[in-house]
N, C-alpha and C. Protein backbone atom coordinates (compact mmCIF):
# COMPACT_ATOMS: atom_id res chain seq x y z
N UNK A 1 -68.65 -58.37 26.41
CA UNK A 1 -67.90 -57.26 26.87
C UNK A 1 -68.03 -56.10 25.90
N UNK A 2 -68.16 -54.95 26.48
CA UNK A 2 -68.32 -53.75 25.66
C UNK A 2 -66.97 -53.25 25.21
N UNK A 3 -67.00 -52.69 24.04
CA UNK A 3 -65.77 -52.05 23.57
C UNK A 3 -65.85 -50.55 23.88
N UNK A 4 -64.79 -50.01 24.30
CA UNK A 4 -64.73 -48.59 24.68
C UNK A 4 -64.05 -47.82 23.55
N UNK A 5 -64.72 -46.77 23.16
CA UNK A 5 -64.17 -45.91 22.11
C UNK A 5 -63.18 -44.94 22.74
N UNK A 6 -61.93 -45.11 22.41
CA UNK A 6 -60.90 -44.28 23.04
C UNK A 6 -60.44 -43.12 22.14
N UNK A 7 -61.23 -42.75 21.21
CA UNK A 7 -60.85 -41.62 20.36
C UNK A 7 -60.92 -40.32 21.17
N UNK A 8 -60.03 -39.47 20.85
CA UNK A 8 -60.00 -38.16 21.52
C UNK A 8 -61.14 -37.30 20.99
N UNK A 9 -61.78 -36.52 21.87
CA UNK A 9 -62.80 -35.61 21.37
C UNK A 9 -62.14 -34.54 20.49
N UNK A 10 -62.91 -34.01 19.59
CA UNK A 10 -62.38 -32.98 18.70
C UNK A 10 -61.96 -31.78 19.53
N UNK A 11 -60.79 -31.23 19.27
CA UNK A 11 -60.34 -30.09 20.07
C UNK A 11 -61.24 -28.88 19.84
N UNK A 12 -61.51 -28.14 20.94
CA UNK A 12 -62.33 -26.93 20.82
C UNK A 12 -61.48 -25.82 20.24
N UNK A 13 -62.06 -25.08 19.37
CA UNK A 13 -61.32 -23.97 18.79
C UNK A 13 -61.38 -22.80 19.75
N UNK A 14 -60.28 -22.11 19.86
CA UNK A 14 -60.19 -20.97 20.76
C UNK A 14 -59.97 -19.71 19.94
N UNK A 15 -60.31 -18.59 20.56
CA UNK A 15 -60.09 -17.30 19.88
C UNK A 15 -61.40 -16.59 19.61
N UNK A 16 -61.28 -15.51 18.88
CA UNK A 16 -62.43 -14.68 18.57
C UNK A 16 -62.72 -14.75 17.08
N UNK A 17 -63.96 -14.58 16.78
CA UNK A 17 -64.31 -14.48 15.37
C UNK A 17 -64.08 -13.05 14.92
N UNK A 18 -64.03 -12.85 13.65
CA UNK A 18 -63.82 -11.51 13.11
C UNK A 18 -64.98 -10.58 13.49
N UNK A 19 -66.18 -11.10 13.53
CA UNK A 19 -67.34 -10.30 13.90
C UNK A 19 -67.21 -9.83 15.35
N UNK A 20 -66.81 -10.71 16.25
CA UNK A 20 -66.65 -10.32 17.65
C UNK A 20 -65.57 -9.25 17.79
N UNK A 21 -64.49 -9.43 17.08
CA UNK A 21 -63.40 -8.45 17.13
C UNK A 21 -63.85 -7.09 16.59
N UNK A 22 -64.63 -7.06 15.53
CA UNK A 22 -65.11 -5.80 14.96
C UNK A 22 -66.10 -5.12 15.90
N UNK A 23 -66.89 -5.88 16.63
CA UNK A 23 -67.81 -5.30 17.61
C UNK A 23 -67.02 -4.61 18.72
N UNK A 24 -65.97 -5.24 19.20
CA UNK A 24 -65.13 -4.65 20.24
C UNK A 24 -64.48 -3.37 19.73
N UNK A 25 -63.96 -3.40 18.51
CA UNK A 25 -63.33 -2.21 17.94
C UNK A 25 -64.36 -1.08 17.80
N UNK A 26 -65.57 -1.39 17.39
CA UNK A 26 -66.61 -0.37 17.25
C UNK A 26 -66.97 0.23 18.60
N UNK A 27 -67.09 -0.59 19.63
CA UNK A 27 -67.42 -0.09 20.98
C UNK A 27 -66.31 0.81 21.49
N UNK A 28 -65.06 0.42 21.29
CA UNK A 28 -63.93 1.25 21.73
C UNK A 28 -63.93 2.57 20.96
N UNK A 29 -64.22 2.53 19.68
CA UNK A 29 -64.28 3.76 18.88
C UNK A 29 -65.36 4.70 19.35
N UNK A 30 -66.52 4.17 19.69
CA UNK A 30 -67.61 5.02 20.18
C UNK A 30 -67.24 5.64 21.53
N UNK A 31 -66.67 4.85 22.42
CA UNK A 31 -66.26 5.38 23.73
C UNK A 31 -65.19 6.46 23.57
N UNK A 32 -64.24 6.24 22.68
CA UNK A 32 -63.20 7.24 22.46
C UNK A 32 -63.78 8.52 21.86
N UNK A 33 -64.74 8.39 20.95
CA UNK A 33 -65.36 9.56 20.34
C UNK A 33 -66.12 10.39 21.38
N UNK A 34 -66.66 9.74 22.37
CA UNK A 34 -67.37 10.46 23.43
C UNK A 34 -66.42 11.03 24.46
N UNK A 35 -65.33 10.34 24.75
CA UNK A 35 -64.43 10.75 25.83
C UNK A 35 -63.43 11.81 25.40
N UNK A 36 -62.96 11.80 24.17
CA UNK A 36 -61.90 12.71 23.75
C UNK A 36 -62.28 14.19 23.87
N UNK A 37 -63.45 14.63 23.42
CA UNK A 37 -63.79 16.05 23.60
C UNK A 37 -63.85 16.46 25.08
N UNK A 38 -64.35 15.59 25.93
CA UNK A 38 -64.39 15.90 27.36
C UNK A 38 -62.98 16.03 27.92
N UNK A 39 -62.11 15.15 27.48
CA UNK A 39 -60.73 15.17 27.96
C UNK A 39 -60.03 16.45 27.51
N UNK A 40 -60.17 16.85 26.24
CA UNK A 40 -59.50 18.05 25.77
C UNK A 40 -60.04 19.30 26.47
N UNK A 41 -61.34 19.34 26.74
CA UNK A 41 -61.89 20.48 27.48
C UNK A 41 -61.36 20.51 28.91
N UNK A 42 -61.20 19.36 29.50
CA UNK A 42 -60.64 19.27 30.86
C UNK A 42 -59.21 19.80 30.87
N UNK A 43 -58.40 19.44 29.88
CA UNK A 43 -57.02 19.91 29.80
C UNK A 43 -57.00 21.42 29.58
N UNK A 44 -57.84 21.91 28.68
CA UNK A 44 -57.89 23.36 28.43
C UNK A 44 -58.31 24.12 29.67
N UNK A 45 -59.25 23.57 30.43
CA UNK A 45 -59.67 24.21 31.68
C UNK A 45 -58.50 24.33 32.64
N UNK A 46 -57.65 23.31 32.68
CA UNK A 46 -56.46 23.37 33.52
C UNK A 46 -55.50 24.46 33.08
N UNK A 47 -55.32 24.60 31.77
CA UNK A 47 -54.46 25.66 31.27
C UNK A 47 -55.04 27.05 31.54
N UNK A 48 -56.37 27.15 31.48
CA UNK A 48 -57.03 28.44 31.82
C UNK A 48 -56.75 28.80 33.27
N UNK A 49 -56.85 27.84 34.15
CA UNK A 49 -56.59 28.09 35.56
C UNK A 49 -55.14 28.54 35.76
N UNK A 50 -54.24 27.93 35.01
CA UNK A 50 -52.84 28.32 35.10
C UNK A 50 -52.64 29.77 34.62
N UNK A 51 -53.34 30.15 33.57
CA UNK A 51 -53.24 31.52 33.05
C UNK A 51 -53.80 32.52 34.06
N UNK A 52 -54.92 32.20 34.67
CA UNK A 52 -55.51 33.11 35.67
C UNK A 52 -54.58 33.25 36.87
N UNK A 53 -53.98 32.15 37.29
CA UNK A 53 -53.04 32.20 38.41
C UNK A 53 -51.82 33.04 38.04
N UNK A 54 -51.36 32.90 36.79
CA UNK A 54 -50.23 33.72 36.33
C UNK A 54 -50.56 35.19 36.30
N UNK A 55 -51.78 35.52 35.90
CA UNK A 55 -52.21 36.93 35.92
C UNK A 55 -52.25 37.47 37.35
N UNK A 56 -52.77 36.69 38.25
CA UNK A 56 -52.84 37.14 39.64
C UNK A 56 -51.44 37.31 40.23
N UNK A 57 -50.54 36.41 39.91
CA UNK A 57 -49.17 36.52 40.39
C UNK A 57 -48.49 37.76 39.80
N UNK A 58 -48.73 38.01 38.52
CA UNK A 58 -48.16 39.19 37.88
C UNK A 58 -48.73 40.47 38.48
N UNK A 59 -50.04 40.46 38.79
CA UNK A 59 -50.67 41.64 39.41
C UNK A 59 -50.07 41.90 40.80
N UNK A 60 -49.80 40.84 41.53
CA UNK A 60 -49.18 41.01 42.85
C UNK A 60 -47.78 41.61 42.71
N UNK A 61 -47.04 41.15 41.70
CA UNK A 61 -45.70 41.69 41.46
C UNK A 61 -45.79 43.18 41.12
N UNK A 62 -46.76 43.53 40.26
CA UNK A 62 -46.94 44.94 39.88
C UNK A 62 -47.27 45.79 41.12
N UNK A 63 -48.14 45.27 41.97
CA UNK A 63 -48.52 46.03 43.18
C UNK A 63 -47.35 46.17 44.14
N UNK A 64 -46.56 45.12 44.31
CA UNK A 64 -45.39 45.21 45.19
C UNK A 64 -44.39 46.23 44.64
N UNK A 65 -44.17 46.21 43.34
CA UNK A 65 -43.23 47.16 42.72
C UNK A 65 -43.75 48.59 42.85
N UNK A 66 -45.06 48.78 42.70
CA UNK A 66 -45.65 50.12 42.84
C UNK A 66 -45.57 50.60 44.28
N UNK A 67 -45.71 49.69 45.22
CA UNK A 67 -45.60 50.05 46.63
C UNK A 67 -44.17 50.52 46.94
N UNK A 68 -43.20 49.87 46.35
CA UNK A 68 -41.80 50.21 46.61
C UNK A 68 -41.38 51.50 45.92
N UNK A 69 -41.88 51.75 44.69
CA UNK A 69 -41.39 52.91 43.94
C UNK A 69 -42.41 54.04 43.79
N UNK A 70 -43.68 53.78 44.04
CA UNK A 70 -44.69 54.81 43.91
C UNK A 70 -45.40 54.80 42.56
N UNK A 71 -44.85 54.11 41.57
CA UNK A 71 -45.50 53.98 40.26
C UNK A 71 -45.38 52.53 39.79
N UNK A 72 -46.25 52.15 38.89
CA UNK A 72 -46.16 50.80 38.34
C UNK A 72 -44.93 50.69 37.45
N UNK A 73 -44.28 49.55 37.45
CA UNK A 73 -43.07 49.40 36.65
C UNK A 73 -43.36 49.45 35.14
N UNK A 74 -42.32 49.71 34.38
CA UNK A 74 -42.49 49.84 32.93
C UNK A 74 -42.79 48.48 32.30
N UNK A 75 -43.25 48.53 31.06
CA UNK A 75 -43.54 47.31 30.32
C UNK A 75 -42.27 46.50 30.13
N UNK A 76 -41.15 47.18 29.88
CA UNK A 76 -39.88 46.48 29.70
C UNK A 76 -39.43 45.80 30.99
N UNK A 77 -39.65 46.45 32.13
CA UNK A 77 -39.27 45.84 33.40
C UNK A 77 -40.10 44.59 33.67
N UNK A 78 -41.36 44.63 33.28
CA UNK A 78 -42.20 43.44 33.46
C UNK A 78 -41.75 42.32 32.54
N UNK A 79 -41.45 42.64 31.29
CA UNK A 79 -41.05 41.62 30.31
C UNK A 79 -39.77 40.91 30.74
N UNK A 80 -38.94 41.57 31.53
CA UNK A 80 -37.69 40.96 31.98
C UNK A 80 -37.89 39.98 33.13
N UNK A 81 -39.08 39.91 33.69
CA UNK A 81 -39.32 39.00 34.81
C UNK A 81 -39.68 37.61 34.32
N UNK A 82 -39.64 36.66 35.24
CA UNK A 82 -40.02 35.28 34.92
C UNK A 82 -41.53 35.13 34.81
N UNK A 83 -42.29 36.18 35.10
CA UNK A 83 -43.74 36.12 35.08
C UNK A 83 -44.30 36.21 33.66
N UNK A 84 -43.46 36.49 32.67
CA UNK A 84 -43.95 36.76 31.32
C UNK A 84 -44.50 35.54 30.60
N UNK A 85 -44.24 34.33 31.08
CA UNK A 85 -44.76 33.13 30.43
C UNK A 85 -45.29 32.18 31.49
N UNK A 86 -46.44 31.59 31.21
CA UNK A 86 -46.99 30.56 32.08
C UNK A 86 -46.15 29.31 31.88
N UNK A 87 -45.92 28.55 32.93
CA UNK A 87 -44.97 27.43 32.88
C UNK A 87 -45.28 26.40 31.80
N UNK A 88 -46.54 26.18 31.46
CA UNK A 88 -46.87 25.20 30.44
C UNK A 88 -46.62 25.74 29.03
N UNK A 89 -46.42 27.03 28.88
CA UNK A 89 -46.19 27.62 27.57
C UNK A 89 -47.46 27.86 26.78
N UNK A 90 -48.62 27.70 27.39
CA UNK A 90 -49.88 27.86 26.68
C UNK A 90 -50.39 29.30 26.70
N UNK A 91 -49.86 30.12 27.56
CA UNK A 91 -50.24 31.53 27.63
C UNK A 91 -48.98 32.37 27.83
N UNK A 92 -48.97 33.54 27.22
CA UNK A 92 -47.91 34.53 27.44
C UNK A 92 -48.55 35.72 28.15
N UNK A 93 -47.94 36.14 29.23
CA UNK A 93 -48.49 37.24 30.02
C UNK A 93 -47.71 38.51 29.70
N UNK A 94 -48.45 39.58 29.45
CA UNK A 94 -47.80 40.84 29.11
C UNK A 94 -48.59 42.01 29.69
N UNK A 95 -47.92 43.15 29.77
CA UNK A 95 -48.58 44.40 30.15
C UNK A 95 -48.97 45.07 28.85
N UNK A 96 -50.26 45.24 28.63
CA UNK A 96 -50.71 45.81 27.35
C UNK A 96 -50.96 47.31 27.44
N UNK A 97 -51.23 47.82 28.62
CA UNK A 97 -51.51 49.24 28.79
C UNK A 97 -51.01 49.63 30.17
N UNK A 98 -50.23 50.72 30.24
CA UNK A 98 -49.66 51.08 31.53
C UNK A 98 -49.46 52.58 31.62
N UNK A 99 -49.85 53.14 32.76
CA UNK A 99 -49.50 54.50 33.12
C UNK A 99 -48.88 54.41 34.50
N UNK A 100 -48.57 55.56 35.10
CA UNK A 100 -47.99 55.53 36.45
C UNK A 100 -48.97 54.97 37.48
N UNK A 101 -50.27 55.12 37.21
CA UNK A 101 -51.26 54.69 38.20
C UNK A 101 -52.20 53.58 37.72
N UNK A 102 -52.03 53.11 36.49
CA UNK A 102 -52.89 52.03 35.99
C UNK A 102 -52.08 51.03 35.18
N UNK A 103 -52.63 49.85 35.04
CA UNK A 103 -52.04 48.85 34.15
C UNK A 103 -53.12 47.86 33.72
N UNK A 104 -52.86 47.19 32.63
CA UNK A 104 -53.70 46.10 32.16
C UNK A 104 -52.78 44.94 31.80
N UNK A 105 -53.01 43.82 32.44
CA UNK A 105 -52.26 42.60 32.13
C UNK A 105 -53.09 41.74 31.20
N UNK A 106 -52.42 41.05 30.29
CA UNK A 106 -53.13 40.17 29.37
C UNK A 106 -52.40 38.83 29.28
N UNK A 107 -53.18 37.76 29.35
CA UNK A 107 -52.67 36.41 29.11
C UNK A 107 -53.13 36.02 27.72
N UNK A 108 -52.19 35.95 26.80
CA UNK A 108 -52.49 35.65 25.40
C UNK A 108 -52.32 34.16 25.15
N UNK A 109 -53.37 33.55 24.61
CA UNK A 109 -53.34 32.11 24.33
C UNK A 109 -52.32 31.80 23.24
N UNK A 110 -51.56 30.71 23.47
CA UNK A 110 -50.56 30.28 22.49
C UNK A 110 -50.70 28.78 22.24
N UNK A 111 -50.08 28.33 21.19
CA UNK A 111 -49.99 26.90 20.85
C UNK A 111 -51.37 26.26 20.80
N UNK A 112 -51.56 25.16 21.49
CA UNK A 112 -52.82 24.41 21.43
C UNK A 112 -53.98 25.17 22.05
N UNK A 113 -53.70 26.17 22.86
CA UNK A 113 -54.75 26.90 23.57
C UNK A 113 -55.36 27.99 22.69
N UNK A 114 -54.82 28.25 21.53
CA UNK A 114 -55.34 29.32 20.66
C UNK A 114 -56.80 29.16 20.30
N UNK A 115 -57.26 27.95 20.13
CA UNK A 115 -58.65 27.73 19.74
C UNK A 115 -59.60 27.66 20.91
N UNK A 116 -59.14 27.99 22.11
CA UNK A 116 -59.98 27.90 23.30
C UNK A 116 -61.11 28.90 23.24
N UNK A 117 -62.27 28.51 23.78
CA UNK A 117 -63.45 29.37 23.73
C UNK A 117 -63.31 30.63 24.57
N UNK A 118 -62.42 30.63 25.56
CA UNK A 118 -62.26 31.81 26.42
C UNK A 118 -61.27 32.82 25.84
N UNK A 119 -60.47 32.43 24.89
CA UNK A 119 -59.53 33.35 24.26
C UNK A 119 -58.51 33.89 25.23
N UNK A 120 -58.26 35.19 25.18
CA UNK A 120 -57.26 35.84 26.02
C UNK A 120 -57.92 36.37 27.29
N UNK A 121 -57.17 36.32 28.39
CA UNK A 121 -57.64 36.85 29.67
C UNK A 121 -56.98 38.19 29.94
N UNK A 122 -57.71 39.10 30.58
CA UNK A 122 -57.14 40.39 30.98
C UNK A 122 -57.45 40.64 32.45
N UNK A 123 -56.60 41.44 33.05
CA UNK A 123 -56.78 41.84 34.45
C UNK A 123 -56.22 43.24 34.61
N UNK A 124 -57.04 44.15 35.16
CA UNK A 124 -56.61 45.53 35.38
C UNK A 124 -56.32 45.76 36.85
N UNK A 125 -55.64 46.86 37.15
CA UNK A 125 -55.26 47.16 38.53
C UNK A 125 -56.49 47.35 39.42
N UNK A 126 -57.62 47.71 38.85
CA UNK A 126 -58.83 47.92 39.63
C UNK A 126 -59.58 46.62 39.94
N UNK A 127 -59.08 45.51 39.39
CA UNK A 127 -59.75 44.23 39.60
C UNK A 127 -60.68 43.86 38.46
N UNK A 128 -60.76 44.70 37.45
CA UNK A 128 -61.61 44.43 36.30
C UNK A 128 -61.02 43.26 35.52
N UNK A 129 -61.82 42.21 35.39
CA UNK A 129 -61.38 40.99 34.71
C UNK A 129 -62.04 40.89 33.35
N UNK A 130 -61.35 40.26 32.44
CA UNK A 130 -61.92 40.07 31.13
C UNK A 130 -61.48 38.75 30.51
N UNK A 131 -62.32 38.26 29.63
CA UNK A 131 -61.99 37.05 28.87
C UNK A 131 -62.70 37.15 27.53
N UNK A 132 -61.98 36.80 26.49
CA UNK A 132 -62.56 36.76 25.15
C UNK A 132 -63.12 38.13 24.74
N UNK A 133 -62.45 39.19 25.19
CA UNK A 133 -62.85 40.53 24.80
C UNK A 133 -63.92 41.17 25.66
N UNK A 134 -64.50 40.44 26.61
CA UNK A 134 -65.54 40.99 27.48
C UNK A 134 -64.95 41.30 28.84
N UNK A 135 -65.38 42.39 29.46
CA UNK A 135 -64.87 42.79 30.76
C UNK A 135 -66.02 42.98 31.74
N UNK A 136 -65.73 42.75 33.01
CA UNK A 136 -66.72 42.98 34.06
C UNK A 136 -66.00 43.10 35.39
N UNK A 137 -66.63 43.78 36.34
CA UNK A 137 -66.10 43.85 37.69
C UNK A 137 -66.14 42.47 38.33
N UNK A 138 -65.30 42.27 39.32
CA UNK A 138 -65.24 40.98 39.98
C UNK A 138 -66.60 40.59 40.54
N UNK A 139 -67.30 41.54 41.14
CA UNK A 139 -68.60 41.22 41.74
C UNK A 139 -69.67 40.93 40.68
N UNK A 140 -69.54 41.55 39.50
CA UNK A 140 -70.55 41.39 38.46
C UNK A 140 -70.23 40.28 37.46
N UNK A 141 -69.04 39.74 37.53
CA UNK A 141 -68.59 38.81 36.50
C UNK A 141 -69.40 37.51 36.57
N UNK A 142 -69.86 37.05 35.42
CA UNK A 142 -70.67 35.83 35.40
C UNK A 142 -69.83 34.59 35.65
N UNK A 143 -68.51 34.69 35.53
CA UNK A 143 -67.65 33.59 35.89
C UNK A 143 -67.49 32.50 34.87
N UNK A 144 -68.03 32.68 33.68
CA UNK A 144 -67.99 31.58 32.72
C UNK A 144 -66.55 31.17 32.38
N UNK A 145 -65.66 32.11 32.23
CA UNK A 145 -64.27 31.76 31.93
C UNK A 145 -63.33 31.94 33.11
N UNK A 146 -63.63 32.88 33.99
CA UNK A 146 -62.74 33.10 35.12
C UNK A 146 -62.94 32.08 36.23
N UNK A 147 -64.03 31.34 36.21
CA UNK A 147 -64.24 30.36 37.27
C UNK A 147 -64.02 28.93 36.81
N UNK A 148 -63.74 28.73 35.55
CA UNK A 148 -63.55 27.36 35.05
C UNK A 148 -62.12 27.12 34.68
């Protein structure tokens, strides 16, 4: 008769080795290094769109006020409106130049948006748009900052 060996097999070790764990950490670090700049640019692009929308809303307010009174409202009257700040707080909208028949609105970058490549946005009553100190007509504008 045969004898049967009833010893338990050696238990298998579970878990990760330190080398495997370091490889995973390195892969996550590389992916994060590639993804973070894209993410921050995506967020900044959203804030730029919000600033442009704020400028357009402010321009509409200026035009409605001019239609009602015959002249564009004063800088102080504009500053008293809720249009003076974009809701996210990343841009402040102001009237930088105003006469009875002309105005220039500016969205000034604030907080985290200060280092943005597009800088400050401007919009004049004639439709002349500007970003980062450059101006162009709507039809001629290359769209690099006003379309992104």
